[in-house]
Amino acid sequence: MIHLNISLATLVIWIIVGGLAGWLASRVVRGGGLGLLGDVVVGIIGAFLGGLVLSRLLPGVYAFTGGFTGFSLGSLIVAFVGAVILLLVVRLFTARRLHYGRTR
């Protein structure tokens, strides 16, 4: 069983950084926001994904940013990179589904 001990301050930081990163990523990838909740969710998932990808593929960049450690520019960069990756993957699958749906 996993026990998470997250303080309210940490949760608020995740929401703020996640929302900002998700909003920026959605502006870059789709050209528009996904709404407040959508941007926060994309940003928070992106923070985990960005941490995983950067720590594995570009450990020097990950170390330079400091990872996702709270409210910092490095955390925003990691979350933004992960959110962009997440949105590109989602766009890849939804665009493919939309394309096939129109040709039938």
PDB file of N, CA and C in Angstrom:
ATOM      1  N   MET A   1       0.840  -1.171   0.000  1.00  0.00           N
ATOM      2  CA  MET A   1       0.000   0.000   0.000  1.00  0.00           C
ATOM      3  C   MET A   1       0.889   1.239   0.000  1.00  0.00           C
ATOM      4  N   ILE A   2       0.566   2.180  -0.854  1.00  0.00           N
ATOM      5  CA  ILE A   2       1.341   3.414  -0.951  1.00  0.00           C
ATOM      6  C   ILE A   2       0.708   4.468  -0.063  1.00  0.00           C
ATOM      7  N   HIS A   3       1.531   5.097   0.754  1.00  0.00           N
ATOM      8  CA  HIS A   3       1.056   6.157   1.637  1.00  0.00           C
ATOM      9  C   HIS A   3       1.697   7.463   1.205  1.00  0.00           C
ATOM     10  N   LEU A   4       0.876   8.397   0.787  1.00  0.00           N
ATOM     11  CA  LEU A   4       1.383   9.700   0.380  1.00  0.00           C
ATOM     12  C   LEU A   4       1.111  10.706   1.476  1.00  0.00           C
ATOM     13  N   ASN A   5       2.147  11.416   1.843  1.00  0.00           N
ATOM     14  CA  ASN A   5       2.013  12.458   2.849  1.00  0.00           C
ATOM     15  C   ASN A   5       2.309  13.788   2.165  1.00  0.00           C
ATOM     16  N   ILE A   6       1.258  14.411   1.626  1.00  0.00           N
ATOM     17  CA  ILE A   6       1.407  15.646   0.883  1.00  0.00           C
ATOM     18  C   ILE A   6       0.786  16.775   1.689  1.00  0.00           C
ATOM     19  N   SER A   7       1.555  17.814   1.915  1.00  0.00           N
ATOM     20  CA  SER A   7       1.021  18.948   2.650  1.00  0.00           C
ATOM     21  C   SER A   7       0.140  19.792   1.737  1.00  0.00           C
ATOM     22  N   LEU A   8      -0.680  20.625   2.336  1.00  0.00           N
ATOM     23  CA  LEU A   8      -1.552  21.510   1.576  1.00  0.00           C
ATOM     24  C   LEU A   8      -0.731  22.470   0.722  1.00  0.00           C
ATOM     25  N   ALA A   9       0.383  22.956   1.256  1.00  0.00           N
ATOM     26  CA  ALA A   9       1.251  23.869   0.502  1.00  0.00           C
ATOM     27  C   ALA A   9       1.822  23.185  -0.732  1.00  0.00           C
ATOM     28  N   THR A  10       2.238  21.934  -0.597  1.00  0.00           N
ATOM     29  CA  THR A  10       2.766  21.185  -1.731  1.00  0.00           C
ATOM     30  C   THR A  10       1.689  20.983  -2.783  1.00  0.00           C
ATOM     31  N   LEU A  11       0.500  20.659  -2.359  1.00  0.00           N
ATOM     32  CA  LEU A  11      -0.615  20.471  -3.287  1.00  0.00           C
ATOM     33  C   LEU A  11      -0.932  21.760  -4.043  1.00  0.00           C
ATOM     34  N   VAL A  12      -0.931  22.868  -3.345  1.00  0.00           N
ATOM     35  CA  VAL A  12      -1.185  24.172  -3.988  1.00  0.00           C
ATOM     36  C   VAL A  12      -0.083  24.490  -4.991  1.00  0.00           C
ATOM     37  N   ILE A  13       1.160  24.203  -4.656  1.00  0.00           N
ATOM     38  CA  ILE A  13       2.275  24.434  -5.581  1.00  0.00           C
ATOM     39  C   ILE A  13       2.114  23.575  -6.824  1.00  0.00           C
ATOM     40  N   TRP A  14       1.741  22.307  -6.650  1.00  0.00           N
ATOM     41  CA  TRP A  14       1.519  21.419  -7.802  1.00  0.00           C
ATOM     42  C   TRP A  14       0.422  21.982  -8.698  1.00  0.00           C
ATOM     43  N   ILE A  15      -0.643  22.480  -8.096  1.00  0.00           N
ATOM     44  CA  ILE A  15      -1.756  23.028  -8.871  1.00  0.00           C
ATOM     45  C   ILE A  15      -1.327  24.280  -9.625  1.00  0.00           C
ATOM     46  N   ILE A  16      -0.598  25.173  -8.980  1.00  0.00           N
ATOM     47  CA  ILE A  16      -0.163  26.414  -9.634  1.00  0.00           C
ATOM     48  C   ILE A  16       0.827  26.129 -10.754  1.00  0.00           C
ATOM     49  N   VAL A  17       1.874  25.372 -10.452  1.00  0.00           N
ATOM     50  CA  VAL A  17       2.883  25.060 -11.467  1.00  0.00           C
ATOM     51  C   VAL A  17       2.266  24.208 -12.577  1.00  0.00           C
ATOM     52  N   GLY A  18       1.450  23.231 -12.205  1.00  0.00           N
ATOM     53  CA  GLY A  18       0.786  22.384 -13.195  1.00  0.00           C
ATOM     54  C   GLY A  18      -0.144  23.179 -14.084  1.00  0.00           C
ATOM     55  N   GLY A  19      -0.913  24.089 -13.494  1.00  0.00           N
ATOM     56  CA  GLY A  19      -1.812  24.917 -14.281  1.00  0.00           C
ATOM     57  C   GLY A  19      -1.076  25.807 -15.254  1.00  0.00           C
ATOM     58  N   LEU A  20      -0.008  26.423 -14.789  1.00  0.00           N
ATOM     59  CA  LEU A  20       0.784  27.300 -15.651  1.00  0.00           C
ATOM     60  C   LEU A  20       1.470  26.508 -16.766  1.00  0.00           C
ATOM     61  N   ALA A  21       2.073  25.390 -16.421  1.00  0.00           N
ATOM     62  CA  ALA A  21       2.747  24.559 -17.424  1.00  0.00           C
ATOM     63  C   ALA A  21       1.749  23.986 -18.421  1.00  0.00           C
ATOM     64  N   GLY A  22       0.601  23.531 -17.933  1.00  0.00           N
ATOM     65  CA  GLY A  22      -0.430  22.989 -18.811  1.00  0.00           C
ATOM     66  C   GLY A  22      -0.989  24.049 -19.746  1.00  0.00           C
ATOM     67  N   TRP A  23      -1.199  25.253 -19.223  1.00  0.00           N
ATOM     68  CA  TRP A  23      -1.706  26.348 -20.049  1.00  0.00           C
ATOM     69  C   TRP A  23      -0.700  26.710 -21.135  1.00  0.00           C
ATOM     70  N   LEU A  24       0.578  26.846 -20.747  1.00  0.00           N
ATOM     71  CA  LEU A  24       1.614  27.172 -21.734  1.00  0.00           C
ATOM     72  C   LEU A  24       1.722  26.078 -22.800  1.00  0.00           C
ATOM     73  N   ALA A  25       1.712  24.832 -22.362  1.00  0.00           N
ATOM     74  CA  ALA A  25       1.825  23.715 -23.313  1.00  0.00           C
ATOM     75  C   ALA A  25       0.620  23.664 -24.245  1.00  0.00           C
ATOM     76  N   SER A  26      -0.570  23.889 -23.724  1.00  0.00           N
ATOM     77  CA  SER A  26      -1.755  23.836 -24.575  1.00  0.00           C
ATOM     78  C   SER A  26      -1.770  24.991 -25.570  1.00  0.00           C
ATOM     79  N   ARG A  27      -1.186  26.120 -25.203  1.00  0.00           N
ATOM     80  CA  ARG A  27      -1.074  27.242 -26.137  1.00  0.00           C
ATOM     81  C   ARG A  27      -0.077  26.905 -27.246  1.00  0.00           C
ATOM     82  N   VAL A  28       0.991  26.223 -26.906  1.00  0.00           N
ATOM     83  CA  VAL A  28       2.020  25.871 -27.891  1.00  0.00           C
ATOM     84  C   VAL A  28       1.542  24.747 -28.806  1.00  0.00           C
ATOM     85  N   VAL A  29       0.953  23.714 -28.244  1.00  0.00           N
ATOM     86  CA  VAL A  29       0.600  22.518 -29.019  1.00  0.00           C
ATOM     87  C   VAL A  29      -0.723  22.678 -29.755  1.00  0.00           C
ATOM     88  N   ARG A  30      -1.717  23.184 -29.112  1.00  0.00           N
ATOM     89  CA  ARG A  30      -3.045  23.259 -29.723  1.00  0.00           C
ATOM     90  C   ARG A  30      -3.424  24.676 -30.145  1.00  0.00           C
ATOM     91  N   GLY A  31      -2.715  25.670 -29.658  1.00  0.00           N
ATOM     92  CA  GLY A  31      -3.054  27.034 -30.006  1.00  0.00           C
ATOM     93  C   GLY A  31      -4.110  27.650 -29.119  1.00  0.00           C
ATOM     94  N   GLY A  32      -4.577  26.941 -28.104  1.00  0.00           N
ATOM     95  CA  GLY A  32      -5.574  27.467 -27.183  1.00  0.00           C
ATOM     96  C   GLY A  32      -5.569  26.666 -25.905  1.00  0.00           C
ATOM     97  N   GLY A  33      -6.115  27.230 -24.839  1.00  0.00           N
ATOM     98  CA  GLY A  33      -6.143  26.561 -23.550  1.00  0.00           C
ATOM     99  C   GLY A  33      -7.169  25.439 -23.504  1.00  0.00           C
ATOM    100  N   LEU A  34      -7.054  24.600 -22.507  1.00  0.00           N
ATOM    101  CA  LEU A  34      -7.976  23.480 -22.318  1.00  0.00           C
ATOM    102  C   LEU A  34      -8.948  23.752 -21.178  1.00  0.00           C
ATOM    103  N   GLY A  35      -8.980  24.962 -20.708  1.00  0.00           N
ATOM    104  CA  GLY A  35      -9.771  25.282 -19.531  1.00  0.00           C
ATOM    105  C   GLY A  35      -8.925  25.098 -18.292  1.00  0.00           C
ATOM    106  N   LEU A  36      -9.344  25.699 -17.208  1.00  0.00           N
ATOM    107  CA  LEU A  36      -8.546  25.684 -15.977  1.00  0.00           C
ATOM    108  C   LEU A  36      -8.257  24.261 -15.495  1.00  0.00           C
ATOM    109  N   LEU A  37      -9.266  23.451 -15.364  1.00  0.00           N
ATOM    110  CA  LEU A  37      -9.063  22.088 -14.863  1.00  0.00           C
ATOM    111  C   LEU A  37      -8.230  21.255 -15.825  1.00  0.00           C
ATOM    112  N   GLY A  38      -8.502  21.363 -17.120  1.00  0.00           N
ATOM    113  CA  GLY A  38      -7.735  20.616 -18.118  1.00  0.00           C
ATOM    114  C   GLY A  38      -6.275  20.998 -18.108  1.00  0.00           C
ATOM    115  N   ASP A  39      -5.980  22.304 -18.007  1.00  0.00           N
ATOM    116  CA  ASP A  39      -4.598  22.759 -17.968  1.00  0.00           C
ATOM    117  C   ASP A  39      -3.875  22.272 -16.720  1.00  0.00           C
ATOM    118  N   VAL A  40      -4.553  22.300 -15.585  1.00  0.00           N
ATOM    119  CA  VAL A  40      -3.936  21.827 -14.336  1.00  0.00           C
ATOM    120  C   VAL A  40      -3.628  20.336 -14.430  1.00  0.00           C
ATOM    121  N   VAL A  41      -4.582  19.554 -14.911  1.00  0.00           N
ATOM    122  CA  VAL A  41      -4.377  18.100 -15.022  1.00  0.00           C
ATOM    123  C   VAL A  41      -3.234  17.789 -15.984  1.00  0.00           C
ATOM    124  N   VAL A  42      -3.246  18.442 -17.152  1.00  0.00           N
ATOM    125  CA  VAL A  42      -2.170  18.219 -18.129  1.00  0.00           C
ATOM    126  C   VAL A  42      -0.816  18.620 -17.532  1.00  0.00           C
ATOM    127  N   GLY A  43      -0.777  19.731 -16.818  1.00  0.00           N
ATOM    128  CA  GLY A  43       0.480  20.187 -16.224  1.00  0.00           C
ATOM    129  C   GLY A  43       1.003  19.262 -15.140  1.00  0.00           C
ATOM    130  N   ILE A  44       0.116  18.763 -14.295  1.00  0.00           N
ATOM    131  CA  ILE A  44       0.556  17.863 -13.215  1.00  0.00           C
ATOM    132  C   ILE A  44       1.022  16.525 -13.789  1.00  0.00           C
ATOM    133  N   ILE A  45       0.251  15.967 -14.710  1.00  0.00           N
ATOM    134  CA  ILE A  45       0.691  14.723 -15.356  1.00  0.00           C
ATOM    135  C   ILE A  45       1.976  14.984 -16.134  1.00  0.00           C
ATOM    136  N   GLY A  46       2.040  16.148 -16.781  1.00  0.00           N
ATOM    137  CA  GLY A  46       3.244  16.536 -17.515  1.00  0.00           C
ATOM    138  C   GLY A  46       4.468  16.650 -16.622  1.00  0.00           C
ATOM    139  N   ALA A  47       4.278  17.103 -15.387  1.00  0.00           N
ATOM    140  CA  ALA A  47       5.408  17.209 -14.456  1.00  0.00           C
ATOM    141  C   ALA A  47       6.003  15.829 -14.177  1.00  0.00           C
ATOM    142  N   PHE A  48       5.141  14.847 -13.963  1.00  0.00           N
ATOM    143  CA  PHE A  48       5.635  13.487 -13.738  1.00  0.00           C
ATOM    144  C   PHE A  48       6.285  12.926 -15.001  1.00  0.00           C
ATOM    145  N   LEU A  49       5.620  13.124 -16.129  1.00  0.00           N
ATOM    146  CA  LEU A  49       6.147  12.634 -17.405  1.00  0.00           C
ATOM    147  C   LEU A  49       7.454  13.340 -17.760  1.00  0.00           C
ATOM    148  N   GLY A  50       7.492  14.650 -17.574  1.00  0.00           N
ATOM    149  CA  GLY A  50       8.716  15.411 -17.856  1.00  0.00           C
ATOM    150  C   GLY A  50       9.871  14.978 -16.973  1.00  0.00           C
ATOM    151  N   GLY A  51       9.580  14.730 -15.695  1.00  0.00           N
ATOM    152  CA  GLY A  51      10.614  14.246 -14.788  1.00  0.00           C
ATOM    153  C   GLY A  51      11.154  12.902 -15.212  1.00  0.00           C
ATOM    154  N   LEU A  52      10.255  12.018 -15.610  1.00  0.00           N
ATOM    155  CA  LEU A  52      10.669  10.688 -16.062  1.00  0.00           C
ATOM    156  C   LEU A  52      11.499  10.777 -17.335  1.00  0.00           C
ATOM    157  N   VAL A  53      11.000  11.497 -18.324  1.00  0.00           N
ATOM    158  CA  VAL A  53      11.682  11.586 -19.621  1.00  0.00           C
ATOM    159  C   VAL A  53      13.028  12.299 -19.484  1.00  0.00           C
ATOM    160  N   LEU A  54      13.025  13.456 -18.839  1.00  0.00           N
ATOM    161  CA  LEU A  54      14.283  14.207 -18.726  1.00  0.00           C
ATOM    162  C   LEU A  54      15.318  13.475 -17.881  1.00  0.00           C
ATOM    163  N   SER A  55      14.887  12.833 -16.806  1.00  0.00           N
ATOM    164  CA  SER A  55      15.865  12.139 -15.954  1.00  0.00           C
ATOM    165  C   SER A  55      16.476  10.937 -16.667  1.00  0.00           C
ATOM    166  N   ARG A  56      15.712  10.315 -17.573  1.00  0.00           N
ATOM    167  CA  ARG A  56      16.214   9.136 -18.288  1.00  0.00           C
ATOM    168  C   ARG A  56      16.988   9.506 -19.551  1.00  0.00           C
ATOM    169  N   LEU A  57      16.442  10.433 -20.343  1.00  0.00           N
ATOM    170  CA  LEU A  57      17.038  10.745 -21.646  1.00  0.00           C
ATOM    171  C   LEU A  57      18.054  11.885 -21.594  1.00  0.00           C
ATOM    172  N   LEU A  58      17.800  12.866 -20.744  1.00  0.00           N
ATOM    173  CA  LEU A  58      18.691  14.033 -20.645  1.00  0.00           C
ATOM    174  C   LEU A  58      18.992  14.326 -19.177  1.00  0.00           C
ATOM    175  N   PRO A  59      19.740  13.455 -18.521  1.00  0.00           N
ATOM    176  CA  PRO A  59      19.966  13.649 -17.083  1.00  0.00           C
ATOM    177  C   PRO A  59      20.677  14.959 -16.752  1.00  0.00           C
ATOM    178  N   GLY A  60      21.512  15.453 -17.667  1.00  0.00           N
ATOM    179  CA  GLY A  60      22.189  16.728 -17.420  1.00  0.00           C
ATOM    180  C   GLY A  60      21.208  17.890 -17.378  1.00  0.00           C
ATOM    181  N   VAL A  61      20.250  17.876 -18.291  1.00  0.00           N
ATOM    182  CA  VAL A  61      19.217  18.915 -18.315  1.00  0.00           C
ATOM    183  C   VAL A  61      18.340  18.793 -17.080  1.00  0.00           C
ATOM    184  N   TYR A  62      17.992  17.567 -16.733  1.00  0.00           N
ATOM    185  CA  TYR A  62      17.165  17.341 -15.546  1.00  0.00           C
ATOM    186  C   TYR A  62      17.877  17.850 -14.292  1.00  0.00           C
ATOM    187  N   ALA A  63      19.151  17.542 -14.174  1.00  0.00           N
ATOM    188  CA  ALA A  63      19.923  18.005 -13.013  1.00  0.00           C
ATOM    189  C   ALA A  63      20.021  19.526 -12.998  1.00  0.00           C
ATOM    190  N   PHE A  64      20.170  20.124 -14.183  1.00  0.00           N
ATOM    191  CA  PHE A  64      20.258  21.589 -14.281  1.00  0.00           C
ATOM    192  C   PHE A  64      18.972  22.258 -13.813  1.00  0.00           C
ATOM    193  N   THR A  65      17.823  21.680 -14.171  1.00  0.00           N
ATOM    194  CA  THR A  65      16.547  22.280 -13.775  1.00  0.00           C
ATOM    195  C   THR A  65      16.235  22.033 -12.310  1.00  0.00           C
ATOM    196  N   GLY A  66      16.840  21.004 -11.736  1.00  0.00           N
ATOM    197  CA  GLY A  66      16.535  20.656 -10.360  1.00  0.00           C
ATOM    198  C   GLY A  66      15.320  19.751 -10.237  1.00  0.00           C
ATOM    199  N   GLY A  67      14.778  19.338 -11.367  1.00  0.00           N
ATOM    200  CA  GLY A  67      13.603  18.467 -11.344  1.00  0.00           C
ATOM    201  C   GLY A  67      12.357  19.231 -10.939  1.00  0.00           C
ATOM    202  N   PHE A  68      11.370  18.500 -10.511  1.00  0.00           N
ATOM    203  CA  PHE A  68      10.119  19.107 -10.051  1.00  0.00           C
ATOM    204  C   PHE A  68      10.192  19.193  -8.536  1.00  0.00           C
ATOM    205  N   THR A  69      10.719  20.303  -8.043  1.00  0.00           N
ATOM    206  CA  THR A  69      11.024  20.418  -6.622  1.00  0.00           C
ATOM    207  C   THR A  69      10.193  21.451  -5.895  1.00  0.00           C
ATOM    208  N   GLY A  70       9.218  22.011  -6.527  1.00  0.00           N
ATOM    209  CA  GLY A  70       8.406  23.041  -5.890  1.00  0.00           C
ATOM    210  C   GLY A  70       8.194  24.193  -6.857  1.00  0.00           C
ATOM    211  N   PHE A  71       7.958  25.342  -6.330  1.00  0.00           N
ATOM    212  CA  PHE A  71       7.676  26.508  -7.159  1.00  0.00           C
ATOM    213  C   PHE A  71       8.991  27.145  -7.599  1.00  0.00           C
ATOM    214  N   SER A  72       9.453  26.723  -8.787  1.00  0.00           N
ATOM    215  CA  SER A  72      10.704  27.263  -9.316  1.00  0.00           C
ATOM    216  C   SER A  72      10.650  27.226 -10.838  1.00  0.00           C
ATOM    217  N   LEU A  73      11.554  27.933 -11.460  1.00  0.00           N
ATOM    218  CA  LEU A  73      11.639  27.931 -12.918  1.00  0.00           C
ATOM    219  C   LEU A  73      11.958  26.522 -13.431  1.00  0.00           C
ATOM    220  N   GLY A  74      12.821  25.806 -12.732  1.00  0.00           N
ATOM    221  CA  GLY A  74      13.165  24.441 -13.124  1.00  0.00           C
ATOM    222  C   GLY A  74      11.952  23.526 -13.108  1.00  0.00           C
ATOM    223  N   SER A  75      11.119  23.644 -12.074  1.00  0.00           N
ATOM    224  CA  SER A  75       9.901  22.840 -12.001  1.00  0.00           C
ATOM    225  C   SER A  75       8.961  23.170 -13.149  1.00  0.00           C
ATOM    226  N   LEU A  76       8.863  24.442 -13.475  1.00  0.00           N
ATOM    227  CA  LEU A  76       8.004  24.862 -14.576  1.00  0.00           C
ATOM    228  C   LEU A  76       8.510  24.300 -15.904  1.00  0.00           C
ATOM    229  N   ILE A  77       9.822  24.302 -16.103  1.00  0.00           N
ATOM    230  CA  ILE A  77      10.413  23.765 -17.331  1.00  0.00           C
ATOM    231  C   ILE A  77      10.139  22.269 -17.451  1.00  0.00           C
ATOM    232  N   VAL A  78      10.367  21.533 -16.372  1.00  0.00           N
ATOM    233  CA  VAL A  78      10.132  20.084 -16.381  1.00  0.00           C
ATOM    234  C   VAL A  78       8.665  19.788 -16.656  1.00  0.00           C
ATOM    235  N   ALA A  79       7.768  20.481 -15.979  1.00  0.00           N
ATOM    236  CA  ALA A  79       6.335  20.259 -16.175  1.00  0.00           C
ATOM    237  C   ALA A  79       5.912  20.654 -17.585  1.00  0.00           C
ATOM    238  N   PHE A  80       6.452  21.745 -18.105  1.00  0.00           N
ATOM    239  CA  PHE A  80       6.122  22.199 -19.456  1.00  0.00           C
ATOM    240  C   PHE A  80       6.563  21.178 -20.505  1.00  0.00           C
ATOM    241  N   VAL A  81       7.783  20.686 -20.384  1.00  0.00           N
ATOM    242  CA  VAL A  81       8.285  19.681 -21.336  1.00  0.00           C
ATOM    243  C   VAL A  81       7.395  18.441 -21.309  1.00  0.00           C
ATOM    244  N   GLY A  82       7.071  17.969 -20.127  1.00  0.00           N
ATOM    245  CA  GLY A  82       6.210  16.793 -20.014  1.00  0.00           C
ATOM    246  C   GLY A  82       4.808  17.051 -20.543  1.00  0.00           C
ATOM    247  N   ALA A  83       4.267  18.235 -20.290  1.00  0.00           N
ATOM    248  CA  ALA A  83       2.926  18.565 -20.772  1.00  0.00           C
ATOM    249  C   ALA A  83       2.895  18.648 -22.296  1.00  0.00           C
ATOM    250  N   VAL A  84       3.944  19.196 -22.891  1.00  0.00           N
ATOM    251  CA  VAL A  84       4.022  19.253 -24.354  1.00  0.00           C
ATOM    252  C   VAL A  84       4.075  17.829 -24.926  1.00  0.00           C
ATOM    253  N   ILE A  85       4.888  16.969 -24.332  1.00  0.00           N
ATOM    254  CA  ILE A  85       4.969  15.574 -24.791  1.00  0.00           C
ATOM    255  C   ILE A  85       3.601  14.911 -24.675  1.00  0.00           C
ATOM    256  N   LEU A  86       2.946  15.097 -23.537  1.00  0.00           N
ATOM    257  CA  LEU A  86       1.630  14.508 -23.318  1.00  0.00           C
ATOM    258  C   LEU A  86       0.629  14.994 -24.361  1.00  0.00           C
ATOM    259  N   LEU A  87       0.581  16.282 -24.613  1.00  0.00           N
ATOM    260  CA  LEU A  87      -0.372  16.823 -25.583  1.00  0.00           C
ATOM    261  C   LEU A  87      -0.063  16.369 -27.003  1.00  0.00           C
ATOM    262  N   LEU A  88       1.209  16.248 -27.339  1.00  0.00           N
ATOM    263  CA  LEU A  88       1.564  15.764 -28.679  1.00  0.00           C
ATOM    264  C   LEU A  88       1.131  14.309 -28.880  1.00  0.00           C
ATOM    265  N   VAL A  89       1.312  13.491 -27.852  1.00  0.00           N
ATOM    266  CA  VAL A  89       0.889  12.094 -27.937  1.00  0.00           C
ATOM    267  C   VAL A  89      -0.638  12.022 -28.048  1.00  0.00           C
ATOM    268  N   VAL A  90      -1.340  12.794 -27.235  1.00  0.00           N
ATOM    269  CA  VAL A  90      -2.807  12.814 -27.307  1.00  0.00           C
ATOM    270  C   VAL A  90      -3.258  13.297 -28.678  1.00  0.00           C
ATOM    271  N   ARG A  91      -2.623  14.339 -29.188  1.00  0.00           N
ATOM    272  CA  ARG A  91      -2.976  14.867 -30.508  1.00  0.00           C
ATOM    273  C   ARG A  91      -2.719  13.828 -31.599  1.00  0.00           C
ATOM    274  N   LEU A  92      -1.648  13.086 -31.478  1.00  0.00           N
ATOM    275  CA  LEU A  92      -1.323  12.052 -32.458  1.00  0.00           C
ATOM    276  C   LEU A  92      -2.448  11.026 -32.558  1.00  0.00           C
ATOM    277  N   PHE A  93      -2.941  10.570 -31.401  1.00  0.00           N
ATOM    278  CA  PHE A  93      -3.985   9.554 -31.402  1.00  0.00           C
ATOM    279  C   PHE A  93      -5.352  10.129 -31.751  1.00  0.00           C
ATOM    280  N   THR A  94      -5.664  11.326 -31.290  1.00  0.00           N
ATOM    281  CA  THR A  94      -6.976  11.904 -31.614  1.00  0.00           C
ATOM    282  C   THR A  94      -7.025  12.357 -33.063  1.00  0.00           C
ATOM    283  N   ALA A  95      -5.940  12.847 -33.608  1.00  0.00           N
ATOM    284  CA  ALA A  95      -5.913  13.256 -35.014  1.00  0.00           C
ATOM    285  C   ALA A  95      -6.074  12.035 -35.913  1.00  0.00           C
ATOM    286  N   ARG A  96      -5.454  10.950 -35.545  1.00  0.00           N
ATOM    287  CA  ARG A  96      -5.565   9.716 -36.320  1.00  0.00           C
ATOM    288  C   ARG A  96      -7.005   9.208 -36.299  1.00  0.00           C
ATOM    289  N   ARG A  97      -7.635   9.258 -35.129  1.00  0.00           N
ATOM    290  CA  ARG A  97      -9.012   8.795 -34.996  1.00  0.00           C
ATOM    291  C   ARG A  97      -9.957   9.708 -35.784  1.00  0.00           C
ATOM    292  N   LEU A  98      -9.748  11.018 -35.718  1.00  0.00           N
ATOM    293  CA  LEU A  98     -10.581  11.951 -36.467  1.00  0.00           C
ATOM    294  C   LEU A  98     -10.403  11.753 -37.966  1.00  0.00           C
ATOM    295  N   HIS A  99      -9.168  11.524 -38.384  1.00  0.00           N
ATOM    296  CA  HIS A  99      -8.879  11.328 -39.811  1.00  0.00           C
ATOM    297  C   HIS A  99      -9.590  10.088 -40.339  1.00  0.00           C
ATOM    298  N   TYR A 100      -9.514   8.986 -39.592  1.00  0.00           N
ATOM    299  CA  TYR A 100     -10.155   7.755 -40.037  1.00  0.00           C
ATOM    300  C   TYR A 100     -11.671   7.873 -39.973  1.00  0.00           C
ATOM    301  N   GLY A 101     -12.182   8.621 -39.028  1.00  0.00           N
ATOM    302  CA  GLY A 101     -13.621   8.804 -38.918  1.00  0.00           C
ATOM    303  C   GLY A 101     -14.210   9.568 -40.092  1.00  0.00           C
ATOM    304  N   ARG A 102     -13.450  10.475 -40.694  1.00  0.00           N
ATOM    305  CA  ARG A 102     -13.943  11.289 -41.809  1.00  0.00           C
ATOM    306  C   ARG A 102     -13.891  10.532 -43.144  1.00  0.00           C
ATOM    307  N   THR A 103     -12.982   9.576 -43.274  1.00  0.00           N
ATOM    308  CA  THR A 103     -12.818   8.894 -44.560  1.00  0.00           C
ATOM    309  C   THR A 103     -13.801   7.752 -44.738  1.00  0.00           C
ATOM    310  N   ARG A 104     -14.482   7.348 -43.696  1.00  0.00           N
ATOM    311  CA  ARG A 104     -15.404   6.203 -43.814  1.00  0.00           C
ATOM    312  C   ARG A 104     -16.781   6.638 -44.170  1.00  0.00           C
TER     313      ARG A 104
END
